[in-house]
C-alpha atoms as a PDB file:
ATOM      1  CA  MET A   1     -17.595 281.450  92.093  1.00  0.00           C
ATOM      2  CA  SER A   2     -17.679 278.806  94.808  1.00  0.00           C
ATOM      3  CA  ILE A   3     -21.122 279.728  96.107  1.00  0.00           C
ATOM      4  CA  GLU A   4     -22.945 279.491  92.757  1.00  0.00           C
ATOM      5  CA  VAL A   5     -23.964 275.842  93.139  1.00  0.00           C
ATOM      6  CA  PHE A   6     -25.106 276.507  96.724  1.00  0.00           C
ATOM      7  CA  PHE A   7     -27.262 279.396  95.441  1.00  0.00           C
ATOM      8  CA  ARG A   8     -28.838 277.074  92.879  1.00  0.00           C
ATOM      9  CA  MET A   9     -29.434 274.259  95.367  1.00  0.00           C
ATOM     10  CA  THR A  10     -31.221 276.598  97.783  1.00  0.00           C
ATOM     11  CA  LYS A  11     -32.916 278.647  95.003  1.00  0.00           C
ATOM     12  CA  ALA A  12     -31.313 281.814  96.395  1.00  0.00           C
ATOM     13  CA  TYR A  13     -29.935 283.104  93.082  1.00  0.00           C
ATOM     14  CA  VAL A  14     -30.865 286.335  91.293  1.00  0.00           C
ATOM     15  CA  PHE A  15     -30.125 284.721  87.924  1.00  0.00           C
ATOM     16  CA  TRP A  16     -29.294 281.074  87.238  1.00  0.00           C
ATOM     17  CA  GLU A  17     -25.804 282.181  86.188  1.00  0.00           C
ATOM     18  CA  THR A  18     -25.355 284.622  89.096  1.00  0.00           C
ATOM     19  CA  GLY A  19     -21.801 283.480  89.824  1.00  0.00           C
ATOM     20  CA  LYS A  20     -20.564 283.983  86.268  1.00  0.00           C
ATOM     21  CA  TYR A  21     -22.381 287.302  85.862  1.00  0.00           C
ATOM     22  CA  ALA A  22     -20.795 288.511  89.119  1.00  0.00           C
ATOM     23  CA  VAL A  23     -17.268 287.551  87.980  1.00  0.00           C
ATOM     24  CA  ILE A  24     -17.837 289.284  84.625  1.00  0.00           C
ATOM     25  CA  TRP A  25     -19.220 292.408  86.324  1.00  0.00           C
ATOM     26  CA  PHE A  26     -16.364 292.753  88.820  1.00  0.00           C
ATOM     27  CA  SER A  27     -13.782 292.088  86.094  1.00  0.00           C
ATOM     28  CA  LEU A  28     -15.292 294.826  83.912  1.00  0.00           C
ATOM     29  CA  LEU A  29     -15.369 297.139  86.927  1.00  0.00           C
ATOM     30  CA  GLY A  30     -11.693 296.386  87.538  1.00  0.00           C
ATOM     31  CA  MET A  31     -10.803 297.110  83.910  1.00  0.00           C
ATOM     32  CA  PHE A  32     -12.743 300.387  84.060  1.00  0.00           C
ATOM     33  CA  TYR A  33     -10.762 301.640  87.051  1.00  0.00           C
ATOM     34  CA  LEU A  34      -7.410 299.900  86.511  1.00  0.00           C
ATOM     35  CA  GLY A  35      -7.330 299.115  82.791  1.00  0.00           C
ATOM     36  CA  PHE A  36      -5.719 295.957  81.414  1.00  0.00           C
ATOM     37  CA  LYS A  37      -2.365 294.929  79.988  1.00  0.00           C
ATOM     38  CA  ARG A  38      -1.701 295.313  76.281  1.00  0.00           C
ATOM     39  CA  ASN A  39      -0.383 291.744  76.148  1.00  0.00           C
ATOM     40  CA  ALA A  40      -3.855 290.519  77.151  1.00  0.00           C
ATOM     41  CA  ALA A  41      -5.036 291.236  73.592  1.00  0.00           C
ATOM     42  CA  PRO A  42      -5.248 287.524  72.587  1.00  0.00           C
ATOM     43  CA  TYR A  43      -7.846 286.960  75.325  1.00  0.00           C
ATOM     44  CA  LEU A  44      -9.753 289.999  74.127  1.00  0.00           C
ATOM     45  CA  ILE A  45      -9.739 288.522  70.611  1.00  0.00           C
ATOM     46  CA  PHE A  46     -11.106 285.270  72.102  1.00  0.00           C
ATOM     47  CA  VAL A  47     -14.027 287.218  73.612  1.00  0.00           C
ATOM     48  CA  LEU A  48     -14.692 288.997  70.301  1.00  0.00           C
ATOM     49  CA  LEU A  49     -14.688 285.668  68.429  1.00  0.00           C
ATOM     50  CA  LEU A  50     -17.733 284.654  70.485  1.00  0.00           C
ATOM     51  CA  LEU A  51     -19.811 287.399  68.845  1.00  0.00           C
ATOM     52  CA  PRO A  52     -20.421 285.689  65.436  1.00  0.00           C
ATOM     53  CA  GLY A  53     -22.145 282.812  67.250  1.00  0.00           C
ATOM     54  CA  VAL A  54     -24.447 285.306  68.979  1.00  0.00           C
ATOM     55  CA  LEU A  55     -25.341 286.921  65.639  1.00  0.00           C
ATOM     56  CA  VAL A  56     -26.079 283.547  64.045  1.00  0.00           C
ATOM     57  CA  SER A  57     -28.312 282.595  66.964  1.00  0.00           C
ATOM     58  CA  TYR A  58     -30.109 285.947  66.802  1.00  0.00           C
ATOM     59  CA  GLU A  59     -30.834 285.537  63.090  1.00  0.00           C
ATOM     60  CA  GLU A  60     -32.097 281.953  63.368  1.00  0.00           C
ATOM     61  CA  MET A  61     -34.020 282.257  66.633  1.00  0.00           C
ATOM     62  CA  THR A  62     -37.818 282.168  66.681  1.00  0.00           C
ATOM     63  CA  TYR A  63     -39.965 284.664  68.601  1.00  0.00           C
ATOM     64  CA  ASP A  64     -40.906 282.198  71.349  1.00  0.00           C
ATOM     65  CA  VAL A  65     -37.273 281.623  72.399  1.00  0.00           C
ATOM     66  CA  ASP A  66     -35.789 283.601  75.322  1.00  0.00           C
ATOM     67  CA  PHE A  67     -32.597 285.169  73.905  1.00  0.00           C
ATOM     68  CA  ARG A  68     -30.827 285.574  77.270  1.00  0.00           C
ATOM     69  CA  LYS A  69     -31.547 282.034  78.428  1.00  0.00           C
ATOM     70  CA  SER A  70     -30.707 280.273  75.170  1.00  0.00           C
ATOM     71  CA  VAL A  71     -27.628 282.328  74.192  1.00  0.00           C
ATOM     72  CA  PHE A  72     -25.994 283.648  77.348  1.00  0.00           C
ATOM     73  CA  PHE A  73     -26.690 280.401  79.194  1.00  0.00           C
ATOM     74  CA  ASN A  74     -24.288 278.713  76.758  1.00  0.00           C
ATOM     75  CA  LEU A  75     -21.820 281.594  76.426  1.00  0.00           C
ATOM     76  CA  SER A  76     -21.614 282.724  80.054  1.00  0.00           C
ATOM     77  CA  GLY A  77     -18.816 280.231  80.830  1.00  0.00           C
ATOM     78  CA  PRO A  78     -16.469 281.111  77.925  1.00  0.00           C
ATOM     79  CA  LEU A  79     -17.319 284.817  78.315  1.00  0.00           C
ATOM     80  CA  CYS A  80     -16.536 284.680  82.041  1.00  0.00           C
ATOM     81  CA  LEU A  81     -13.180 283.000  81.358  1.00  0.00           C
ATOM     82  CA  GLY A  82     -12.291 285.464  78.621  1.00  0.00           C
ATOM     83  CA  VAL A  83     -13.203 288.646  80.493  1.00  0.00           C
ATOM     84  CA  SER A  84     -11.513 287.539  83.727  1.00  0.00           C
ATOM     85  CA  ALA A  85      -8.386 286.529  81.749  1.00  0.00           C
ATOM     86  CA  VAL A  86      -8.204 289.998  80.168  1.00  0.00           C
ATOM     87  CA  PHE A  87      -8.444 291.680  83.571  1.00  0.00           C
ATOM     88  CA  THR A  88      -6.111 289.405  85.550  1.00  0.00           C
ATOM     89  CA  TYR A  89      -3.396 288.945  82.897  1.00  0.00           C
ATOM     90  CA  GLY A  90      -0.043 290.209  84.137  1.00  0.00           C
ATOM     91  CA  ARG A  91      -1.379 291.264  87.544  1.00  0.00           C
ATOM     92  CA  THR A  92       0.355 290.182  90.733  1.00  0.00           C
ATOM     93  CA  ILE A  93      -1.124 289.438  94.144  1.00  0.00           C
ATOM     94  CA  SER A  94       0.563 289.083  97.510  1.00  0.00           C
ATOM     95  CA  PHE A  95       0.941 285.606  99.009  1.00  0.00           C
ATOM     96  CA  ARG A  96      -0.997 286.575 102.138  1.00  0.00           C
ATOM     97  CA  ARG A  97      -3.904 287.943 100.106  1.00  0.00           C
ATOM     98  CA  MET A  98      -3.932 284.810  97.964  1.00  0.00           C
ATOM     99  CA  LEU A  99      -4.329 282.655 101.087  1.00  0.00           C
ATOM    100  CA  LYS A 100      -7.151 284.915 102.250  1.00  0.00           C
ATOM    101  CA  ILE A 101      -8.913 284.543  98.885  1.00  0.00           C
ATOM    102  CA  ILE A 102      -8.577 280.757  99.128  1.00  0.00           C
ATOM    103  CA  ASP A 103     -10.236 280.910 102.562  1.00  0.00           C
ATOM    104  CA  TYR A 104     -13.114 282.956 101.162  1.00  0.00           C
ATOM    105  CA  ILE A 105     -13.578 280.386  98.396  1.00  0.00           C
ATOM    106  CA  ILE A 106     -13.568 277.523 100.910  1.00  0.00           C
ATOM    107  CA  TYR A 107     -16.223 278.908 103.298  1.00  0.00           C
ATOM    108  CA  PRO A 108     -19.196 278.574 100.887  1.00  0.00           C
ATOM    109  CA  LEU A 109     -17.953 275.090  99.930  1.00  0.00           C
ATOM    110  CA  ILE A 110     -18.126 274.066 103.592  1.00  0.00           C
ATOM    111  CA  ALA A 111     -21.705 275.398 103.696  1.00  0.00           C
ATOM    112  CA  THR A 112     -22.490 273.384 100.546  1.00  0.00           C
ATOM    113  CA  THR A 113     -21.059 270.217 102.117  1.00  0.00           C
ATOM    114  CA  VAL A 114     -23.074 270.638 105.321  1.00  0.00           C
ATOM    115  CA  TYR A 115     -26.248 271.319 103.309  1.00  0.00           C
ATOM    116  CA  ILE A 116     -25.740 268.158 101.244  1.00  0.00           C
ATOM    117  CA  ILE A 117     -25.271 266.035 104.369  1.00  0.00           C
ATOM    118  CA  VAL A 118     -28.343 267.500 106.105  1.00  0.00           C
ATOM    119  CA  TYR A 119     -30.686 267.222 103.112  1.00  0.00           C
ATOM    120  CA  SER A 120     -29.515 263.888 101.684  1.00  0.00           C
ATOM    121  CA  PRO A 121     -31.304 260.629 102.574  1.00  0.00           C
ATOM    122  CA  ASP A 122     -29.591 257.508 103.889  1.00  0.00           C
ATOM    123  CA  VAL A 123     -26.700 256.630 101.565  1.00  0.00           C
ATOM    124  CA  ARG A 124     -27.262 252.863 101.440  1.00  0.00           C
ATOM    125  CA  GLU A 125     -30.958 253.241 100.625  1.00  0.00           C
ATOM    126  CA  SER A 126     -30.378 255.851  97.890  1.00  0.00           C
ATOM    127  CA  ILE A 127     -27.644 254.108  95.892  1.00  0.00           C
ATOM    128  CA  THR A 128     -29.043 251.306  93.759  1.00  0.00           C
ATOM    129  CA  GLY A 129     -26.936 251.691  90.599  1.00  0.00           C
ATOM    130  CA  THR A 130     -23.741 253.180  89.229  1.00  0.00           C
ATOM    131  CA  GLY A 131     -25.218 256.253  87.548  1.00  0.00           C
ATOM    132  CA  SER A 132     -24.698 259.816  88.808  1.00  0.00           C
ATOM    133  CA  ASN A 133     -26.897 260.236  91.861  1.00  0.00           C
ATOM    134  CA  SER A 134     -28.735 263.485  92.651  1.00  0.00           C
ATOM    135  CA  ALA A 135     -30.367 262.061  95.799  1.00  0.00           C
ATOM    136  CA  VAL A 136     -27.051 262.084  97.701  1.00  0.00           C
ATOM    137  CA  SER A 137     -26.021 265.387  96.058  1.00  0.00           C
ATOM    138  CA  GLY A 138     -28.464 267.490  98.043  1.00  0.00           C
ATOM    139  CA  GLY A 139     -31.150 267.023  95.386  1.00  0.00           C
ATOM    140  CA  TYR A 140     -29.094 268.899  92.806  1.00  0.00           C
ATOM    141  CA  GLY A 141     -26.990 267.947  89.773  1.00  0.00           C
ATOM    142  CA  PRO A 142     -24.244 265.496  90.802  1.00  0.00           C
ATOM    143  CA  ASN A 143     -21.847 266.764  88.099  1.00  0.00           C
ATOM    144  CA  GLN A 144     -21.911 270.309  89.460  1.00  0.00           C
ATOM    145  CA  VAL A 145     -21.763 269.177  93.085  1.00  0.00           C
ATOM    146  CA  ALA A 146     -18.778 266.880  92.412  1.00  0.00           C
ATOM    147  CA  THR A 147     -17.000 269.733  90.622  1.00  0.00           C
ATOM    148  CA  VAL A 148     -17.324 272.269  93.456  1.00  0.00           C
ATOM    149  CA  LEU A 149     -16.485 269.669  96.102  1.00  0.00           C
ATOM    150  CA  GLY A 150     -13.443 268.684  94.043  1.00  0.00           C
ATOM    151  CA  LEU A 151     -12.457 272.359  94.032  1.00  0.00           C
ATOM    152  CA  GLY A 152     -12.787 272.370  97.831  1.00  0.00           C
ATOM    153  CA  VAL A 153     -10.623 269.262  98.167  1.00  0.00           C
ATOM    154  CA  PHE A 154      -7.903 270.797  96.000  1.00  0.00           C
ATOM    155  CA  LEU A 155      -7.874 274.137  97.848  1.00  0.00           C
ATOM    156  CA  LEU A 156      -7.793 272.487 101.269  1.00  0.00           C
ATOM    157  CA  LEU A 157      -5.011 270.189 100.085  1.00  0.00           C
ATOM    158  CA  THR A 158      -2.935 273.277  99.284  1.00  0.00           C
ATOM    159  CA  ARG A 159      -3.516 274.398 102.875  1.00  0.00           C
ATOM    160  CA  LEU A 160      -2.211 271.044 104.092  1.00  0.00           C
ATOM    161  CA  PHE A 161       1.148 271.954 102.571  1.00  0.00           C
ATOM    162  CA  ILE A 162       0.801 275.621 103.561  1.00  0.00           C
ATOM    163  CA  PRO A 163      -0.751 275.030 107.001  1.00  0.00           C
ATOM    164  CA  TYR A 164      -2.952 277.351 109.030  1.00  0.00           C
ATOM    165  CA  LYS A 165      -1.194 278.897 112.033  1.00  0.00           C
ATOM    166  CA  ASN A 166      -3.967 277.815 114.403  1.00  0.00           C
ATOM    167  CA  LEU A 167      -3.821 274.011 114.898  1.00  0.00           C
ATOM    168  CA  LEU A 168      -7.530 273.711 115.718  1.00  0.00           C
ATOM    169  CA  VAL A 169      -8.471 275.585 112.526  1.00  0.00           C
ATOM    170  CA  HIS A 170      -5.948 273.565 110.526  1.00  0.00           C
ATOM    171  CA  TRP A 171      -7.236 270.126 111.529  1.00  0.00           C
ATOM    172  CA  THR A 172     -10.860 271.243 111.281  1.00  0.00           C
ATOM    173  CA  MET A 173     -10.170 272.219 107.679  1.00  0.00           C
ATOM    174  CA  MET A 174      -8.420 268.890 107.031  1.00  0.00           C
ATOM    175  CA  PHE A 175     -11.506 267.121 108.373  1.00  0.00           C
ATOM    176  CA  PHE A 176     -13.650 269.046 105.888  1.00  0.00           C
ATOM    177  CA  MET A 177     -11.226 268.098 103.100  1.00  0.00           C
ATOM    178  CA  ALA A 178     -11.816 264.400 103.834  1.00  0.00           C
ATOM    179  CA  LEU A 179     -15.561 265.013 104.154  1.00  0.00           C
ATOM    180  CA  MET A 180     -15.706 266.832 100.794  1.00  0.00           C
ATOM    181  CA  ALA A 181     -13.764 264.008  99.141  1.00  0.00           C
ATOM    182  CA  TYR A 182     -16.205 261.460 100.558  1.00  0.00           C
ATOM    183  CA  ARG A 183     -19.299 263.396  99.445  1.00  0.00           C
ATOM    184  CA  ALA A 184     -17.767 264.042  96.001  1.00  0.00           C
ATOM    185  CA  LEU A 185     -17.292 260.271  95.543  1.00  0.00           C
ATOM    186  CA  LEU A 186     -20.891 259.629  96.631  1.00  0.00           C
ATOM    187  CA  THR A 187     -22.231 261.746  93.744  1.00  0.00           C
ATOM    188  CA  PHE A 188     -20.947 258.981  91.392  1.00  0.00           C
ATOM    189  CA  SER A 189     -19.876 261.770  89.044  1.00  0.00           C
ATOM    190  CA  ARG A 190     -16.291 261.080  88.000  1.00  0.00           C
ATOM    191  CA  GLY A 191     -15.379 264.330  86.263  1.00  0.00           C
ATOM    192  CA  GLY A 192     -15.066 266.571  89.313  1.00  0.00           C
ATOM    193  CA  VAL A 193     -13.218 263.891  91.290  1.00  0.00           C
ATOM    194  CA  LEU A 194     -10.694 263.048  88.562  1.00  0.00           C
ATOM    195  CA  VAL A 195      -9.967 266.718  87.816  1.00  0.00           C
ATOM    196  CA  ALA A 196      -9.421 267.365  91.543  1.00  0.00           C
ATOM    197  CA  ILE A 197      -6.962 264.448  91.702  1.00  0.00           C
ATOM    198  CA  PHE A 198      -5.110 265.640  88.593  1.00  0.00           C
ATOM    199  CA  ILE A 199      -4.671 269.277  89.663  1.00  0.00           C
ATOM    200  CA  SER A 200      -3.719 268.139  93.184  1.00  0.00           C
ATOM    201  CA  LEU A 201      -0.961 265.953  91.735  1.00  0.00           C
ATOM    202  CA  VAL A 202       0.296 268.858  89.616  1.00  0.00           C
ATOM    203  CA  PHE A 203       0.355 271.118  92.671  1.00  0.00           C
ATOM    204  CA  ILE A 204       2.187 268.539  94.813  1.00  0.00           C
ATOM    205  CA  VAL A 205       4.871 267.991  92.155  1.00  0.00           C
ATOM    206  CA  MET A 206       5.404 271.732  91.676  1.00  0.00           C
ATOM    207  CA  PHE A 207       5.457 272.378  95.427  1.00  0.00           C
ATOM    208  CA  TYR A 208       7.882 269.531  96.065  1.00  0.00           C
ATOM    209  CA  PHE A 209      10.478 270.580  93.500  1.00  0.00           C
ATOM    210  CA  ALA A 210      10.220 274.248  94.530  1.00  0.00           C
ATOM    211  CA  SER A 211      10.879 273.381  98.198  1.00  0.00           C
ATOM    212  CA  THR A 212      14.120 273.402 100.164  1.00  0.00           C
ATOM    213  CA  PHE A 213      15.609 270.087 101.324  1.00  0.00           C
ATOM    214  CA  LYS A 214      14.145 270.471 104.822  1.00  0.00           C
ATOM    215  CA  LEU A 215      10.700 271.290 103.437  1.00  0.00           C
ATOM    216  CA  LYS A 216      10.944 268.340 101.043  1.00  0.00           C
ATOM    217  CA  LEU A 217      11.136 265.989 104.042  1.00  0.00           C
ATOM    218  CA  LYS A 218       7.988 267.506 105.552  1.00  0.00           C
ATOM    219  CA  THR A 219       6.282 267.378 102.177  1.00  0.00           C
ATOM    220  CA  SER A 220       7.115 263.674 101.794  1.00  0.00           C
ATOM    221  CA  VAL A 221       5.514 262.910 105.167  1.00  0.00           C
ATOM    222  CA  ARG A 222       2.400 264.862 104.182  1.00  0.00           C
ATOM    223  CA  ILE A 223       2.194 263.014 100.859  1.00  0.00           C
ATOM    224  CA  ILE A 224       2.222 259.694 102.733  1.00  0.00           C
ATOM    225  CA  GLY A 225      -0.520 261.064 104.987  1.00  0.00           C
ATOM    226  CA  ILE A 226      -2.603 262.044 101.940  1.00  0.00           C
ATOM    227  CA  VAL A 227      -2.246 258.558 100.423  1.00  0.00           C
ATOM    228  CA  VAL A 228      -3.300 256.898 103.703  1.00  0.00           C
ATOM    229  CA  ALA A 229      -6.239 259.293 104.172  1.00  0.00           C
ATOM    230  CA  GLY A 230      -7.282 258.862 100.529  1.00  0.00           C
ATOM    231  CA  LEU A 231      -7.299 255.073 100.840  1.00  0.00           C
ATOM    232  CA  ALA A 232      -9.317 255.350 104.067  1.00  0.00           C
ATOM    233  CA  VAL A 233     -11.931 257.607 102.414  1.00  0.00           C
ATOM    234  CA  TRP A 234     -12.115 255.303  99.364  1.00  0.00           C
ATOM    235  CA  THR A 235     -12.489 252.168 101.517  1.00  0.00           C
ATOM    236  CA  PHE A 236     -15.236 253.775 103.605  1.00  0.00           C
ATOM    237  CA  THR A 237     -17.058 254.899 100.438  1.00  0.00           C
ATOM    238  CA  VAL A 238     -16.838 251.380  98.976  1.00  0.00           C
ATOM    239  CA  PHE A 239     -18.332 250.016 102.212  1.00  0.00           C
ATOM    240  CA  GLN A 240     -21.116 252.616 102.249  1.00  0.00           C
ATOM    241  CA  THR A 241     -22.072 252.023  98.609  1.00  0.00           C
ATOM    242  CA  GLY A 242     -21.871 248.237  98.754  1.00  0.00           C
ATOM    243  CA  GLY A 243     -19.060 248.222  96.178  1.00  0.00           C
ATOM    244  CA  MET A 244     -21.039 250.262  93.626  1.00  0.00           C
ATOM    245  CA  ILE A 245     -18.444 253.029  93.576  1.00  0.00           C
ATOM    246  CA  GLU A 246     -15.797 250.521  92.438  1.00  0.00           C
ATOM    247  CA  ASN A 247     -18.007 249.480  89.524  1.00  0.00           C
ATOM    248  CA  ARG A 248     -18.530 253.129  88.629  1.00  0.00           C
ATOM    249  CA  TYR A 249     -14.818 253.887  88.327  1.00  0.00           C
ATOM    250  CA  GLU A 250     -14.195 250.611  86.516  1.00  0.00           C
ATOM    251  CA  ASN A 251     -16.909 251.644  84.010  1.00  0.00           C
ATOM    252  CA  LYS A 252     -19.234 248.797  84.978  1.00  0.00           C
ATOM    253  CA  ASP A 253     -22.958 248.701  85.675  1.00  0.00           C
ATOM    254  CA  ALA A 254     -24.592 247.654  88.949  1.00  0.00           C
ATOM    255  CA  ILE A 255     -24.145 243.911  88.286  1.00  0.00           C
ATOM    256  CA  GLY A 256     -20.548 244.228  87.084  1.00  0.00           C
ATOM    257  CA  ARG A 257     -20.968 244.261  83.298  1.00  0.00           C
ATOM    258  CA  GLU A 258     -18.525 246.550  81.473  1.00  0.00           C
ATOM    259  CA  LYS A 259     -20.091 249.543  79.712  1.00  0.00           C
ATOM    260  CA  GLU A 260     -19.182 250.266  76.101  1.00  0.00           C
ATOM    261  CA  ASP A 261     -18.713 254.045  76.362  1.00  0.00           C
ATOM    262  CA  PHE A 262     -16.574 255.377  79.224  1.00  0.00           C
ATOM    263  CA  THR A 263     -17.546 258.973  78.377  1.00  0.00           C
ATOM    264  CA  THR A 264     -21.314 258.243  78.683  1.00  0.00           C
ATOM    265  CA  GLY A 265     -22.050 259.798  75.285  1.00  0.00           C
ATOM    266  CA  ARG A 266     -19.868 262.893  75.667  1.00  0.00           C
ATOM    267  CA  ALA A 267     -17.330 261.799  73.041  1.00  0.00           C
ATOM    268  CA  GLU A 268     -20.105 261.415  70.474  1.00  0.00           C
ATOM    269  CA  LEU A 269     -21.509 264.827  71.401  1.00  0.00           C
ATOM    270  CA  PHE A 270     -18.033 266.390  71.098  1.00  0.00           C
ATOM    271  CA  LYS A 271     -17.544 264.855  67.648  1.00  0.00           C
ATOM    272  CA  ALA A 272     -20.964 266.084  66.506  1.00  0.00           C
ATOM    273  CA  GLU A 273     -20.177 269.633  67.658  1.00  0.00           C
ATOM    274  CA  ILE A 274     -16.798 269.638  65.872  1.00  0.00           C
ATOM    275  CA  ASP A 275     -18.337 268.253  62.660  1.00  0.00           C
ATOM    276  CA  ALA A 276     -21.055 270.917  62.767  1.00  0.00           C
ATOM    277  CA  PHE A 277     -18.497 273.685  63.260  1.00  0.00           C
ATOM    278  CA  MET A 278     -16.258 272.416  60.441  1.00  0.00           C
ATOM    279  CA  GLY A 279     -19.216 272.794  58.096  1.00  0.00           C
ATOM    280  CA  ILE A 280     -19.419 276.545  58.857  1.00  0.00           C
ATOM    281  CA  PRO A 281     -16.011 277.477  60.354  1.00  0.00           C
ATOM    282  CA  VAL A 282     -16.163 281.248  59.774  1.00  0.00           C
ATOM    283  CA  VAL A 283     -19.220 282.263  61.813  1.00  0.00           C
ATOM    284  CA  GLY A 284     -19.914 278.919  63.512  1.00  0.00           C
ATOM    285  CA  VAL A 285     -23.307 277.292  64.084  1.00  0.00           C
ATOM    286  CA  GLY A 286     -24.605 279.544  66.829  1.00  0.00           C
ATOM    287  CA  THR A 287     -25.301 278.580  70.422  1.00  0.00           C
ATOM    288  CA  GLY A 288     -27.721 276.316  72.271  1.00  0.00           C
ATOM    289  CA  PRO A 289     -30.729 275.052  70.291  1.00  0.00           C
ATOM    290  CA  VAL A 290     -29.441 276.638  67.077  1.00  0.00           C
ATOM    291  CA  SER A 291     -26.430 274.312  66.950  1.00  0.00           C
ATOM    292  CA  SER A 292     -28.706 271.264  67.186  1.00  0.00           C
ATOM    293  CA  VAL A 293     -30.726 272.547  64.228  1.00  0.00           C
ATOM    294  CA  PHE A 294     -27.566 272.805  62.092  1.00  0.00           C
ATOM    295  CA  LYS A 295     -26.497 269.281  63.129  1.00  0.00           C
ATOM    296  CA  GLU A 296     -29.833 267.845  62.003  1.00  0.00           C
ATOM    297  CA  GLU A 297     -29.456 269.515  58.635  1.00  0.00           C
END
């Protein structure tokens, strides 16, 4: 999961959607050997409800269109979520194994961060506006890079509250957390950063209220440390970008004029997709290029 963007950046993938295909494959393998809970049926129904869209796309598709690329490219995400939900529903995992899994997720994200730093040009020369910037994202899509770096920040933040036993390892990981936050901000893609902040806040609140009184005191100190470190990273990023990052998060252009649409066209796209689906709610409008054809009609 966490290495998929790194595979794409370095062109080391088998398929473009290697990460999602791998999760689907291992989930199916798990269901074959271990089965799945009966209460997971709603997620199975969700997966089955994706099929009508595939049939519509198949019927409307021309001969020169690659079926796998145009259909599964759009469905691989929902299908991956559905299949993995069916397999993991109701299953438990030990706390120690969960921490080990988090470590395995973090390692490729560290590799991604180092790659971005090595292959990105000088920050001040590359940033000339407030749009998402692929130049400082390792030459790859800033949205995807910000998302995986945001994931890394969140996971390492959990390890701040559940510290590593080795102090050297612990503070090395905290350094990478700050570095990932800085590079995520430099992409100028807000989605991954804002989601990371939101889920981190949810985790902190849940962790705090589930803690004992003694642990609450330690948690409070760590929260203060996070706020101070976050302000330091933000201030440094503002300095490095010449204030452009402030304009970006205030929804302004490079010269400080406020933009009309905060969602950069996504709200309009969302509305168009919903309107298209409401026209044919039973089987839907298909996937990929097919949906655009229905919207034009």
